[in-house]
């Protein structure tokens, strides 16, 4: 966030800031984040649910990848299970 000057306040926040800089967030007068901790949802439960769905998401991503990019080893993605062997 340095150099700090009133002319680059927005740029500092947008390009140099991160979520770790947030201490407290209020929405409609209600505190929803305090000391960097989200108070309005069960984060561990959300992380467990996301982990449970991860294999399904990866499968859908691979399906989408196979549909839109032919198997010609030019795909820009890393969804392939392994890199093809190169000859020569």
C-alpha atoms as a PDB file:
ATOM      1  CA  UNK A   1       0.000   0.000   0.000  1.00  0.00           C
ATOM      2  CA  UNK A   2       3.031   2.237  -0.362  1.00  0.00           C
ATOM      3  CA  UNK A   3       3.531   4.903  -1.616  1.00  0.00           C
ATOM      4  CA  UNK A   4       0.441   6.294   0.050  1.00  0.00           C
ATOM      5  CA  UNK A   5      -1.026   9.474  -1.376  1.00  0.00           C
ATOM      6  CA  UNK A   6      -4.592  10.732  -1.757  1.00  0.00           C
ATOM      7  CA  UNK A   7      -4.228  10.588  -5.553  1.00  0.00           C
ATOM      8  CA  UNK A   8      -3.555   6.839  -5.550  1.00  0.00           C
ATOM      9  CA  UNK A   9      -5.960   5.727  -2.832  1.00  0.00           C
ATOM     10  CA  UNK A  10      -8.263   3.788  -5.178  1.00  0.00           C
ATOM     11  CA  UNK A  11      -5.354   2.224  -7.067  1.00  0.00           C
ATOM     12  CA  UNK A  12      -3.789   1.109  -3.773  1.00  0.00           C
ATOM     13  CA  UNK A  13      -7.019  -0.503  -2.631  1.00  0.00           C
ATOM     14  CA  UNK A  14      -7.754  -2.188  -5.961  1.00  0.00           C
ATOM     15  CA  UNK A  15      -4.281  -3.344  -6.970  1.00  0.00           C
ATOM     16  CA  UNK A  16      -2.456  -3.721  -3.647  1.00  0.00           C
ATOM     17  CA  UNK A  17      -5.230  -4.591  -1.237  1.00  0.00           C
ATOM     18  CA  UNK A  18      -6.399  -8.065  -0.275  1.00  0.00           C
ATOM     19  CA  UNK A  19      -9.039  -9.637   1.907  1.00  0.00           C
ATOM     20  CA  UNK A  20      -6.540  -9.980   4.731  1.00  0.00           C
ATOM     21  CA  UNK A  21      -6.635  -6.188   5.119  1.00  0.00           C
ATOM     22  CA  UNK A  22     -10.327  -6.294   6.066  1.00  0.00           C
ATOM     23  CA  UNK A  23     -10.972  -6.191   9.796  1.00  0.00           C
ATOM     24  CA  UNK A  24     -14.673  -5.331  10.104  1.00  0.00           C
ATOM     25  CA  UNK A  25     -17.547  -5.263   7.607  1.00  0.00           C
ATOM     26  CA  UNK A  26     -21.023  -3.911   8.305  1.00  0.00           C
ATOM     27  CA  UNK A  27     -24.054  -4.518   6.090  1.00  0.00           C
ATOM     28  CA  UNK A  28     -27.256  -2.615   6.875  1.00  0.00           C
ATOM     29  CA  UNK A  29     -25.814  -1.772  10.285  1.00  0.00           C
ATOM     30  CA  UNK A  30     -25.104  -5.422  11.099  1.00  0.00           C
ATOM     31  CA  UNK A  31     -21.535  -6.650  11.696  1.00  0.00           C
ATOM     32  CA  UNK A  32     -20.905  -9.537   9.276  1.00  0.00           C
ATOM     33  CA  UNK A  33     -17.095  -9.706   9.598  1.00  0.00           C
ATOM     34  CA  UNK A  34     -15.193  -8.965  12.816  1.00  0.00           C
ATOM     35  CA  UNK A  35     -11.419  -9.298  13.201  1.00  0.00           C
ATOM     36  CA  UNK A  36     -11.324 -10.902   9.745  1.00  0.00           C
ATOM     37  CA  UNK A  37     -13.776 -13.673  10.736  1.00  0.00           C
ATOM     38  CA  UNK A  38     -17.050 -14.086   8.832  1.00  0.00           C
ATOM     39  CA  UNK A  39     -19.876 -14.191  11.383  1.00  0.00           C
ATOM     40  CA  UNK A  40     -22.834 -14.892   9.107  1.00  0.00           C
ATOM     41  CA  UNK A  41     -21.979 -18.373   7.845  1.00  0.00           C
ATOM     42  CA  UNK A  42     -20.406 -21.620   8.975  1.00  0.00           C
ATOM     43  CA  UNK A  43     -17.121 -21.525   7.032  1.00  0.00           C
ATOM     44  CA  UNK A  44     -15.958 -25.048   8.050  1.00  0.00           C
ATOM     45  CA  UNK A  45     -19.286 -26.497   6.841  1.00  0.00           C
ATOM     46  CA  UNK A  46     -18.968 -24.636   3.543  1.00  0.00           C
ATOM     47  CA  UNK A  47     -15.402 -25.902   3.068  1.00  0.00           C
ATOM     48  CA  UNK A  48     -16.547 -29.489   3.773  1.00  0.00           C
ATOM     49  CA  UNK A  49     -19.379 -29.152   1.249  1.00  0.00           C
ATOM     50  CA  UNK A  50     -17.010 -27.722  -1.352  1.00  0.00           C
ATOM     51  CA  UNK A  51     -14.535 -30.568  -0.813  1.00  0.00           C
ATOM     52  CA  UNK A  52     -17.348 -33.110  -1.156  1.00  0.00           C
ATOM     53  CA  UNK A  53     -18.372 -31.593  -4.517  1.00  0.00           C
ATOM     54  CA  UNK A  54     -14.805 -31.200  -5.836  1.00  0.00           C
ATOM     55  CA  UNK A  55     -14.694 -34.562  -7.713  1.00  0.00           C
ATOM     56  CA  UNK A  56     -17.979 -33.749  -9.458  1.00  0.00           C
ATOM     57  CA  UNK A  57     -16.706 -30.304 -10.427  1.00  0.00           C
ATOM     58  CA  UNK A  58     -13.471 -31.752 -11.823  1.00  0.00           C
ATOM     59  CA  UNK A  59     -15.430 -34.348 -13.823  1.00  0.00           C
ATOM     60  CA  UNK A  60     -17.689 -31.656 -15.261  1.00  0.00           C
ATOM     61  CA  UNK A  61     -14.647 -29.516 -16.080  1.00  0.00           C
ATOM     62  CA  UNK A  62     -13.006 -32.388 -17.928  1.00  0.00           C
ATOM     63  CA  UNK A  63     -16.237 -33.089 -19.807  1.00  0.00           C
ATOM     64  CA  UNK A  64     -16.505 -29.442 -20.832  1.00  0.00           C
ATOM     65  CA  UNK A  65     -12.824 -29.380 -21.782  1.00  0.00           C
ATOM     66  CA  UNK A  66     -13.168 -32.493 -23.972  1.00  0.00           C
ATOM     67  CA  UNK A  67     -16.251 -31.060 -25.655  1.00  0.00           C
ATOM     68  CA  UNK A  68     -14.750 -27.736 -26.650  1.00  0.00           C
ATOM     69  CA  UNK A  69     -11.123 -28.630 -27.359  1.00  0.00           C
ATOM     70  CA  UNK A  70     -10.177 -31.531 -29.605  1.00  0.00           C
ATOM     71  CA  UNK A  71      -7.650 -34.097 -28.432  1.00  0.00           C
ATOM     72  CA  UNK A  72      -4.767 -32.508 -30.317  1.00  0.00           C
ATOM     73  CA  UNK A  73      -2.551 -31.577 -27.353  1.00  0.00           C
ATOM     74  CA  UNK A  74      -3.144 -27.843 -27.874  1.00  0.00           C
ATOM     75  CA  UNK A  75      -5.531 -27.381 -24.967  1.00  0.00           C
ATOM     76  CA  UNK A  76      -4.603 -24.427 -22.809  1.00  0.00           C
ATOM     77  CA  UNK A  77      -5.945 -26.183 -19.701  1.00  0.00           C
ATOM     78  CA  UNK A  78      -4.262 -28.517 -17.253  1.00  0.00           C
ATOM     79  CA  UNK A  79      -7.303 -30.745 -16.729  1.00  0.00           C
ATOM     80  CA  UNK A  80      -5.574 -33.647 -18.471  1.00  0.00           C
ATOM     81  CA  UNK A  81      -4.642 -36.486 -16.139  1.00  0.00           C
ATOM     82  CA  UNK A  82      -1.094 -36.549 -17.474  1.00  0.00           C
ATOM     83  CA  UNK A  83       0.961 -34.789 -20.096  1.00  0.00           C
ATOM     84  CA  UNK A  84       1.290 -36.633 -23.407  1.00  0.00           C
ATOM     85  CA  UNK A  85       4.676 -38.161 -24.142  1.00  0.00           C
ATOM     86  CA  UNK A  86       6.724 -36.180 -26.609  1.00  0.00           C
ATOM     87  CA  UNK A  87       8.831 -37.889 -29.221  1.00  0.00           C
ATOM     88  CA  UNK A  88      12.158 -36.773 -30.558  1.00  0.00           C
END
